[in-house]
């Protein structure tokens, strides 16, 4: 009886809100982050409806500008995966923090559960920039009642934990995961999504 009840349960809407890493850049439709995450969650017995709100090239400012219309329909959970393009363009980490804080404030005001996905800055802008950029996500996770996954590419690194494993997990551009890379990311982030859904 409980199994039948689970099947009849209304699916929970999850909005994956981010940039090309969310959108599925360079991948077949069913191989991107959103469809793979949806399939992973269903395999765990979750009843979900995934919404792909990823826009290639989007910054934290772009995400903030489109958040309200993205949330025109109700959602139980928003996966916030923005900031990598701010870093690639060398934008001020303080601006990224301010934009993400406004996004988190809006989600909190709507009582929507969140999963915040962090990113780590490179050293080519200097150690100070990297420290400030890394701190953006750490400060946000400490300020909000959110589930936090500290580094999107964590499972795609080589044995040294620092160098991306380009041969196994990345497309030719060296920045976007291939289908196997996305599968690896999803398997690691999936439990965090389930935890956020239970909030």
C-alpha atoms as a PDB file:
ATOM      1  CA  UNK A   1       0.000   0.000   0.000  1.00  0.00           C
ATOM      2  CA  UNK A   2       2.784   2.407   0.875  1.00  0.00           C
ATOM      3  CA  UNK A   3       4.431   1.740  -2.488  1.00  0.00           C
ATOM      4  CA  UNK A   4       1.234   2.637  -4.304  1.00  0.00           C
ATOM      5  CA  UNK A   5       0.927   5.780  -2.207  1.00  0.00           C
ATOM      6  CA  UNK A   6       4.454   6.762  -3.147  1.00  0.00           C
ATOM      7  CA  UNK A   7       3.689   6.313  -6.834  1.00  0.00           C
ATOM      8  CA  UNK A   8       0.570   8.465  -6.544  1.00  0.00           C
ATOM      9  CA  UNK A   9       2.333  11.187  -4.579  1.00  0.00           C
ATOM     10  CA  UNK A  10       2.524  14.517  -6.337  1.00  0.00           C
ATOM     11  CA  UNK A  11       6.034  14.972  -7.732  1.00  0.00           C
ATOM     12  CA  UNK A  12       8.171  17.648  -6.106  1.00  0.00           C
ATOM     13  CA  UNK A  13       9.364  20.313  -8.514  1.00  0.00           C
ATOM     14  CA  UNK A  14      13.120  20.882  -8.553  1.00  0.00           C
ATOM     15  CA  UNK A  15      14.430  23.912 -10.436  1.00  0.00           C
ATOM     16  CA  UNK A  16      18.069  23.543 -11.484  1.00  0.00           C
ATOM     17  CA  UNK A  17      19.131  27.184 -11.695  1.00  0.00           C
ATOM     18  CA  UNK A  18      22.530  27.854 -13.199  1.00  0.00           C
ATOM     19  CA  UNK A  19      24.709  28.335 -16.239  1.00  0.00           C
ATOM     20  CA  UNK A  20      26.055  25.994 -18.952  1.00  0.00           C
ATOM     21  CA  UNK A  21      27.028  23.382 -16.344  1.00  0.00           C
ATOM     22  CA  UNK A  22      23.341  23.101 -15.494  1.00  0.00           C
ATOM     23  CA  UNK A  23      22.014  23.647 -19.013  1.00  0.00           C
ATOM     24  CA  UNK A  24      23.990  20.705 -20.447  1.00  0.00           C
ATOM     25  CA  UNK A  25      26.265  22.519 -22.880  1.00  0.00           C
ATOM     26  CA  UNK A  26      27.694  20.316 -25.638  1.00  0.00           C
ATOM     27  CA  UNK A  27      25.779  17.203 -24.590  1.00  0.00           C
ATOM     28  CA  UNK A  28      22.826  15.228 -26.003  1.00  0.00           C
ATOM     29  CA  UNK A  29      19.528  16.274 -24.436  1.00  0.00           C
ATOM     30  CA  UNK A  30      19.328  13.271 -22.108  1.00  0.00           C
ATOM     31  CA  UNK A  31      22.983  13.431 -21.003  1.00  0.00           C
ATOM     32  CA  UNK A  32      23.015  16.821 -19.266  1.00  0.00           C
ATOM     33  CA  UNK A  33      22.985  17.506 -15.536  1.00  0.00           C
ATOM     34  CA  UNK A  34      19.219  17.970 -15.232  1.00  0.00           C
ATOM     35  CA  UNK A  35      17.989  14.808 -17.008  1.00  0.00           C
ATOM     36  CA  UNK A  36      20.704  12.678 -15.409  1.00  0.00           C
ATOM     37  CA  UNK A  37      19.874  14.055 -11.960  1.00  0.00           C
ATOM     38  CA  UNK A  38      16.174  13.422 -12.561  1.00  0.00           C
ATOM     39  CA  UNK A  39      16.862   9.826 -13.562  1.00  0.00           C
ATOM     40  CA  UNK A  40      19.129   9.321 -10.531  1.00  0.00           C
ATOM     41  CA  UNK A  41      16.487  10.653  -8.145  1.00  0.00           C
ATOM     42  CA  UNK A  42      13.747   8.478  -9.653  1.00  0.00           C
ATOM     43  CA  UNK A  43      16.043   5.458  -9.272  1.00  0.00           C
ATOM     44  CA  UNK A  44      16.247   6.309  -5.562  1.00  0.00           C
ATOM     45  CA  UNK A  45      12.452   6.246  -5.328  1.00  0.00           C
ATOM     46  CA  UNK A  46      11.902  10.011  -5.378  1.00  0.00           C
ATOM     47  CA  UNK A  47       8.922  11.513  -7.209  1.00  0.00           C
ATOM     48  CA  UNK A  48      10.252  14.653  -8.884  1.00  0.00           C
ATOM     49  CA  UNK A  49       9.713  17.000 -11.795  1.00  0.00           C
ATOM     50  CA  UNK A  50      12.942  18.580 -13.000  1.00  0.00           C
ATOM     51  CA  UNK A  51      13.037  22.066 -14.524  1.00  0.00           C
ATOM     52  CA  UNK A  52      16.147  23.015 -16.492  1.00  0.00           C
ATOM     53  CA  UNK A  53      16.729  26.700 -15.721  1.00  0.00           C
ATOM     54  CA  UNK A  54      20.328  26.688 -16.910  1.00  0.00           C
ATOM     55  CA  UNK A  55      21.463  29.434 -19.294  1.00  0.00           C
ATOM     56  CA  UNK A  56      24.873  29.121 -20.933  1.00  0.00           C
ATOM     57  CA  UNK A  57      27.154  32.032 -20.128  1.00  0.00           C
ATOM     58  CA  UNK A  58      25.015  33.275 -17.265  1.00  0.00           C
ATOM     59  CA  UNK A  59      26.621  35.171 -14.394  1.00  0.00           C
ATOM     60  CA  UNK A  60      25.280  35.683 -10.888  1.00  0.00           C
ATOM     61  CA  UNK A  61      23.902  39.055 -12.064  1.00  0.00           C
ATOM     62  CA  UNK A  62      22.099  37.384 -14.972  1.00  0.00           C
ATOM     63  CA  UNK A  63      20.694  34.755 -12.660  1.00  0.00           C
ATOM     64  CA  UNK A  64      19.391  37.365 -10.230  1.00  0.00           C
ATOM     65  CA  UNK A  65      17.765  39.276 -13.095  1.00  0.00           C
ATOM     66  CA  UNK A  66      15.751  36.240 -14.257  1.00  0.00           C
ATOM     67  CA  UNK A  67      14.991  34.595 -10.918  1.00  0.00           C
ATOM     68  CA  UNK A  68      11.504  36.034 -10.420  1.00  0.00           C
ATOM     69  CA  UNK A  69      10.116  34.834 -13.741  1.00  0.00           C
ATOM     70  CA  UNK A  70      11.925  31.531 -13.375  1.00  0.00           C
ATOM     71  CA  UNK A  71       9.928  31.007 -10.169  1.00  0.00           C
ATOM     72  CA  UNK A  72       6.589  31.949 -11.731  1.00  0.00           C
ATOM     73  CA  UNK A  73       5.522  28.358 -11.035  1.00  0.00           C
ATOM     74  CA  UNK A  74       5.884  26.942  -7.507  1.00  0.00           C
ATOM     75  CA  UNK A  75       8.919  24.817  -6.679  1.00  0.00           C
ATOM     76  CA  UNK A  76       9.908  22.787  -3.645  1.00  0.00           C
ATOM     77  CA  UNK A  77      13.655  23.002  -4.243  1.00  0.00           C
ATOM     78  CA  UNK A  78      16.056  25.202  -6.201  1.00  0.00           C
ATOM     79  CA  UNK A  79      19.582  24.024  -6.973  1.00  0.00           C
ATOM     80  CA  UNK A  80      21.673  27.203  -7.188  1.00  0.00           C
ATOM     81  CA  UNK A  81      24.713  26.601  -9.400  1.00  0.00           C
ATOM     82  CA  UNK A  82      25.998  30.014 -10.446  1.00  0.00           C
ATOM     83  CA  UNK A  83      29.299  31.848 -10.186  1.00  0.00           C
ATOM     84  CA  UNK A  84      31.671  30.025 -12.521  1.00  0.00           C
ATOM     85  CA  UNK A  85      31.270  32.638 -15.263  1.00  0.00           C
ATOM     86  CA  UNK A  86      31.907  35.464 -12.805  1.00  0.00           C
ATOM     87  CA  UNK A  87      35.196  33.750 -11.991  1.00  0.00           C
ATOM     88  CA  UNK A  88      36.118  33.091 -15.631  1.00  0.00           C
ATOM     89  CA  UNK A  89      35.611  36.792 -16.394  1.00  0.00           C
ATOM     90  CA  UNK A  90      37.562  37.900 -13.331  1.00  0.00           C
ATOM     91  CA  UNK A  91      34.565  39.767 -11.905  1.00  0.00           C
ATOM     92  CA  UNK A  92      34.653  41.132  -8.367  1.00  0.00           C
ATOM     93  CA  UNK A  93      33.871  38.301  -5.897  1.00  0.00           C
ATOM     94  CA  UNK A  94      32.037  40.820  -3.720  1.00  0.00           C
ATOM     95  CA  UNK A  95      29.549  41.407  -6.532  1.00  0.00           C
ATOM     96  CA  UNK A  96      29.052  37.658  -6.932  1.00  0.00           C
ATOM     97  CA  UNK A  97      28.409  37.428  -3.202  1.00  0.00           C
ATOM     98  CA  UNK A  98      25.896  40.298  -3.294  1.00  0.00           C
ATOM     99  CA  UNK A  99      24.023  38.781  -6.255  1.00  0.00           C
ATOM    100  CA  UNK A 100      23.921  35.277  -4.767  1.00  0.00           C
ATOM    101  CA  UNK A 101      22.836  36.697  -1.413  1.00  0.00           C
ATOM    102  CA  UNK A 102      19.874  38.393  -3.092  1.00  0.00           C
ATOM    103  CA  UNK A 103      19.008  35.115  -4.833  1.00  0.00           C
ATOM    104  CA  UNK A 104      19.154  33.249  -1.520  1.00  0.00           C
ATOM    105  CA  UNK A 105      17.091  35.966   0.192  1.00  0.00           C
ATOM    106  CA  UNK A 106      14.369  35.662  -2.443  1.00  0.00           C
ATOM    107  CA  UNK A 107      14.267  31.874  -2.138  1.00  0.00           C
ATOM    108  CA  UNK A 108      14.168  32.072   1.650  1.00  0.00           C
ATOM    109  CA  UNK A 109      11.304  34.589   1.490  1.00  0.00           C
ATOM    110  CA  UNK A 110       9.342  32.108  -0.641  1.00  0.00           C
ATOM    111  CA  UNK A 111      10.136  29.253   1.777  1.00  0.00           C
ATOM    112  CA  UNK A 112      11.812  27.291  -1.016  1.00  0.00           C
ATOM    113  CA  UNK A 113      14.459  24.773   0.021  1.00  0.00           C
ATOM    114  CA  UNK A 114      17.861  25.320  -1.573  1.00  0.00           C
ATOM    115  CA  UNK A 115      20.963  23.385  -2.484  1.00  0.00           C
ATOM    116  CA  UNK A 116      23.886  25.748  -2.969  1.00  0.00           C
ATOM    117  CA  UNK A 117      26.686  24.442  -5.177  1.00  0.00           C
ATOM    118  CA  UNK A 118      30.068  26.052  -4.676  1.00  0.00           C
ATOM    119  CA  UNK A 119      32.976  26.729  -7.004  1.00  0.00           C
ATOM    120  CA  UNK A 120      36.668  27.266  -6.386  1.00  0.00           C
ATOM    121  CA  UNK A 121      38.625  30.096  -7.953  1.00  0.00           C
ATOM    122  CA  UNK A 122      41.794  29.629 -10.016  1.00  0.00           C
ATOM    123  CA  UNK A 123      45.194  30.931  -9.023  1.00  0.00           C
ATOM    124  CA  UNK A 124      45.791  32.811 -12.284  1.00  0.00           C
ATOM    125  CA  UNK A 125      44.114  35.923 -10.820  1.00  0.00           C
ATOM    126  CA  UNK A 126      46.272  35.699  -7.710  1.00  0.00           C
ATOM    127  CA  UNK A 127      45.947  34.077  -4.299  1.00  0.00           C
ATOM    128  CA  UNK A 128      43.920  36.984  -2.950  1.00  0.00           C
ATOM    129  CA  UNK A 129      41.272  36.690  -5.662  1.00  0.00           C
ATOM    130  CA  UNK A 130      41.049  32.940  -5.148  1.00  0.00           C
ATOM    131  CA  UNK A 131      40.605  33.318  -1.397  1.00  0.00           C
ATOM    132  CA  UNK A 132      37.897  35.955  -1.861  1.00  0.00           C
ATOM    133  CA  UNK A 133      36.103  33.927  -4.523  1.00  0.00           C
ATOM    134  CA  UNK A 134      36.202  30.681  -2.528  1.00  0.00           C
ATOM    135  CA  UNK A 135      34.915  32.595   0.480  1.00  0.00           C
ATOM    136  CA  UNK A 136      31.771  33.702  -1.371  1.00  0.00           C
ATOM    137  CA  UNK A 137      30.206  30.251  -1.163  1.00  0.00           C
ATOM    138  CA  UNK A 138      31.526  29.463   2.311  1.00  0.00           C
ATOM    139  CA  UNK A 139      30.005  32.681   3.710  1.00  0.00           C
ATOM    140  CA  UNK A 140      26.673  32.058   2.004  1.00  0.00           C
ATOM    141  CA  UNK A 141      26.451  28.487   3.258  1.00  0.00           C
ATOM    142  CA  UNK A 142      27.114  29.684   6.799  1.00  0.00           C
ATOM    143  CA  UNK A 143      24.473  32.426   6.557  1.00  0.00           C
ATOM    144  CA  UNK A 144      21.547  30.385   5.252  1.00  0.00           C
ATOM    145  CA  UNK A 145      19.813  27.189   6.234  1.00  0.00           C
ATOM    146  CA  UNK A 146      20.860  25.538   3.004  1.00  0.00           C
ATOM    147  CA  UNK A 147      22.377  22.242   2.003  1.00  0.00           C
ATOM    148  CA  UNK A 148      25.836  23.017   0.611  1.00  0.00           C
ATOM    149  CA  UNK A 149      27.920  21.089  -1.915  1.00  0.00           C
ATOM    150  CA  UNK A 150      31.290  22.850  -1.771  1.00  0.00           C
ATOM    151  CA  UNK A 151      32.745  22.248  -5.258  1.00  0.00           C
ATOM    152  CA  UNK A 152      30.886  21.241  -8.413  1.00  0.00           C
ATOM    153  CA  UNK A 153      33.950  19.579  -9.984  1.00  0.00           C
ATOM    154  CA  UNK A 154      35.065  17.766  -6.818  1.00  0.00           C
ATOM    155  CA  UNK A 155      34.664  14.251  -8.208  1.00  0.00           C
ATOM    156  CA  UNK A 156      36.190  15.108 -11.598  1.00  0.00           C
ATOM    157  CA  UNK A 157      39.682  15.835 -10.363  1.00  0.00           C
ATOM    158  CA  UNK A 158      42.755  13.711 -10.998  1.00  0.00           C
ATOM    159  CA  UNK A 159      44.473  11.849  -8.170  1.00  0.00           C
ATOM    160  CA  UNK A 160      46.111  15.074  -6.932  1.00  0.00           C
ATOM    161  CA  UNK A 161      42.669  16.521  -6.189  1.00  0.00           C
ATOM    162  CA  UNK A 162      43.617  19.774  -7.919  1.00  0.00           C
ATOM    163  CA  UNK A 163      44.026  19.061 -11.636  1.00  0.00           C
ATOM    164  CA  UNK A 164      40.865  18.331 -13.650  1.00  0.00           C
ATOM    165  CA  UNK A 165      40.847  14.829 -15.109  1.00  0.00           C
ATOM    166  CA  UNK A 166      40.441  16.088 -18.670  1.00  0.00           C
ATOM    167  CA  UNK A 167      40.995  12.733 -20.341  1.00  0.00           C
ATOM    168  CA  UNK A 168      38.162  10.935 -18.575  1.00  0.00           C
ATOM    169  CA  UNK A 169      35.582  13.516 -17.649  1.00  0.00           C
ATOM    170  CA  UNK A 170      35.686  16.619 -19.846  1.00  0.00           C
ATOM    171  CA  UNK A 171      34.709  17.712 -23.320  1.00  0.00           C
ATOM    172  CA  UNK A 172      37.348  19.008 -25.719  1.00  0.00           C
ATOM    173  CA  UNK A 173      37.012  22.561 -24.355  1.00  0.00           C
ATOM    174  CA  UNK A 174      38.425  21.376 -21.020  1.00  0.00           C
ATOM    175  CA  UNK A 175      35.724  23.264 -19.090  1.00  0.00           C
ATOM    176  CA  UNK A 176      32.473  21.343 -19.496  1.00  0.00           C
ATOM    177  CA  UNK A 177      31.975  17.758 -18.314  1.00  0.00           C
ATOM    178  CA  UNK A 178      31.239  15.040 -20.841  1.00  0.00           C
ATOM    179  CA  UNK A 179      28.375  12.602 -20.236  1.00  0.00           C
ATOM    180  CA  UNK A 180      30.548  10.388 -18.018  1.00  0.00           C
ATOM    181  CA  UNK A 181      31.652  13.432 -16.064  1.00  0.00           C
ATOM    182  CA  UNK A 182      28.067  14.526 -15.497  1.00  0.00           C
ATOM    183  CA  UNK A 183      27.147  11.010 -14.378  1.00  0.00           C
ATOM    184  CA  UNK A 184      29.960  11.109 -11.826  1.00  0.00           C
ATOM    185  CA  UNK A 185      28.916  14.551 -10.574  1.00  0.00           C
ATOM    186  CA  UNK A 186      25.266  13.515 -10.297  1.00  0.00           C
ATOM    187  CA  UNK A 187      26.095  10.408  -8.266  1.00  0.00           C
ATOM    188  CA  UNK A 188      27.961  12.572  -5.752  1.00  0.00           C
ATOM    189  CA  UNK A 189      25.550  15.534  -5.609  1.00  0.00           C
ATOM    190  CA  UNK A 190      22.409  13.362  -5.678  1.00  0.00           C
ATOM    191  CA  UNK A 191      22.412  12.569  -1.937  1.00  0.00           C
ATOM    192  CA  UNK A 192      22.659  16.308  -1.222  1.00  0.00           C
ATOM    193  CA  UNK A 193      19.572  16.867  -3.390  1.00  0.00           C
ATOM    194  CA  UNK A 194      17.680  14.216  -1.419  1.00  0.00           C
ATOM    195  CA  UNK A 195      18.744  15.871   1.826  1.00  0.00           C
ATOM    196  CA  UNK A 196      17.550  19.251   0.585  1.00  0.00           C
ATOM    197  CA  UNK A 197      14.211  17.757  -0.472  1.00  0.00           C
ATOM    198  CA  UNK A 198      13.687  16.508   3.065  1.00  0.00           C
ATOM    199  CA  UNK A 199      14.141  19.994   4.515  1.00  0.00           C
END
